[in-house]
Protein backbone atom coordinates (compact mmCIF):
# COMPACT_ATOMS: atom_id res chain seq x y z
CA MET A 1 0.01 -0.11 -0.16
CA THR A 2 1.07 3.50 -0.45
CA LEU A 3 1.62 5.87 2.60
CA ASP A 4 1.74 9.60 2.60
CA ILE A 5 2.47 11.77 5.82
CA ILE A 6 1.90 15.22 5.32
CA THR A 7 1.99 18.16 7.54
CA PRO A 8 0.84 21.91 7.03
CA ASP A 9 4.43 22.78 5.93
CA ARG A 10 5.89 19.62 4.23
CA LYS A 11 5.61 16.16 3.20
CA VAL A 12 7.22 13.83 5.89
CA PHE A 13 6.84 10.39 4.27
CA SER A 14 5.99 9.00 0.80
CA GLY A 15 6.13 5.46 -0.11
CA GLU A 16 5.26 1.93 0.04
CA ALA A 17 4.64 0.23 3.45
CA SER A 18 3.40 -3.32 4.41
CA ALA A 19 1.80 -2.38 7.78
CA VAL A 20 1.27 0.89 9.46
CA THR A 21 0.40 1.15 13.25
CA PHE A 22 -1.32 4.34 14.43
CA PRO A 23 -2.17 6.38 17.78
CA GLY A 24 -5.85 6.47 17.09
CA SER A 25 -8.18 8.70 19.33
CA GLU A 26 -9.64 5.40 20.59
CA GLY A 27 -6.73 3.53 21.12
CA GLN A 28 -3.77 1.92 18.77
CA PHE A 29 -4.81 0.34 15.59
CA GLN A 30 -2.92 -1.28 12.71
CA VAL A 31 -3.55 -0.87 8.82
CA LEU A 32 -2.47 -3.91 6.37
CA ASN A 33 -2.73 -4.18 2.69
CA ASP A 34 -6.58 -4.55 1.55
CA HIS A 35 -7.81 -2.68 4.61
CA ALA A 36 -11.47 -1.85 4.92
CA PRO A 37 -12.04 1.87 4.03
CA LEU A 38 -11.39 4.03 7.33
CA VAL A 39 -11.29 7.58 8.50
CA SER A 40 -9.89 8.18 12.00
CA THR A 41 -8.62 11.04 14.32
CA LEU A 42 -5.11 10.34 15.89
CA ASP A 43 -3.78 11.41 19.24
CA ARG A 44 -0.15 12.53 19.73
CA GLY A 45 1.94 9.41 19.57
CA PRO A 46 4.22 7.32 17.29
CA ILE A 47 3.22 6.00 13.73
CA VAL A 48 5.15 3.01 13.09
CA VAL A 49 5.63 2.30 9.37
CA GLN A 50 7.01 -1.31 8.29
CA THR A 51 8.58 -1.09 4.85
CA ALA A 52 10.70 -3.35 2.82
CA ALA A 53 13.86 -1.59 3.98
CA GLY A 54 13.02 -1.93 7.72
CA GLN A 55 10.91 -0.01 10.30
CA GLN A 56 10.35 3.92 10.48
CA THR A 57 8.64 5.58 13.67
CA PHE A 58 7.15 9.21 13.24
CA THR A 59 5.84 10.82 16.37
CA VAL A 60 2.70 13.02 15.35
CA ASP A 61 0.98 15.79 17.34
CA GLY A 62 -2.48 14.46 16.43
CA GLY A 63 -4.19 14.70 12.98
CA VAL A 64 -6.50 12.46 10.64
CA VAL A 65 -5.78 9.27 8.68
CA GLU A 66 -7.69 8.10 5.73
CA VAL A 67 -7.29 4.58 4.28
CA LEU A 68 -9.06 3.96 0.72
CA GLN A 69 -8.12 1.37 -1.86
CA ASN A 70 -4.58 0.81 -0.55
CA LYS A 71 -3.67 4.38 -0.10
CA VAL A 72 -3.33 5.86 3.41
CA LEU A 73 -3.17 9.43 3.80
CA VAL A 74 -1.92 10.84 7.00
CA LEU A 75 -2.65 14.69 7.77
CA ALA A 76 -0.75 15.34 10.70
CA GLU A 77 -0.93 18.65 12.64
CA ALA A 78 3.09 18.32 13.24
CA VAL A 79 5.52 15.83 13.42
CA VAL A 80 7.64 15.95 16.68
CA VAL A 81 11.28 15.39 15.99
């Protein structure tokens, strides 16, 4: 699936991922290939991205995620360094 993590000032990540774990407002959840359509709010916490090259973690300061037809779009308020 393709994943884009975007903040108001820049694109943080764009690429292929096999699994992504999110800090949802109602608890942590994971998205895999062929996941059902989904829109969810995010709390502050880590987004863990599994790629062919390994694992990357981005800490977001809240936002929204949309999953639709193997495309995952994260609109993050900010990515904390």
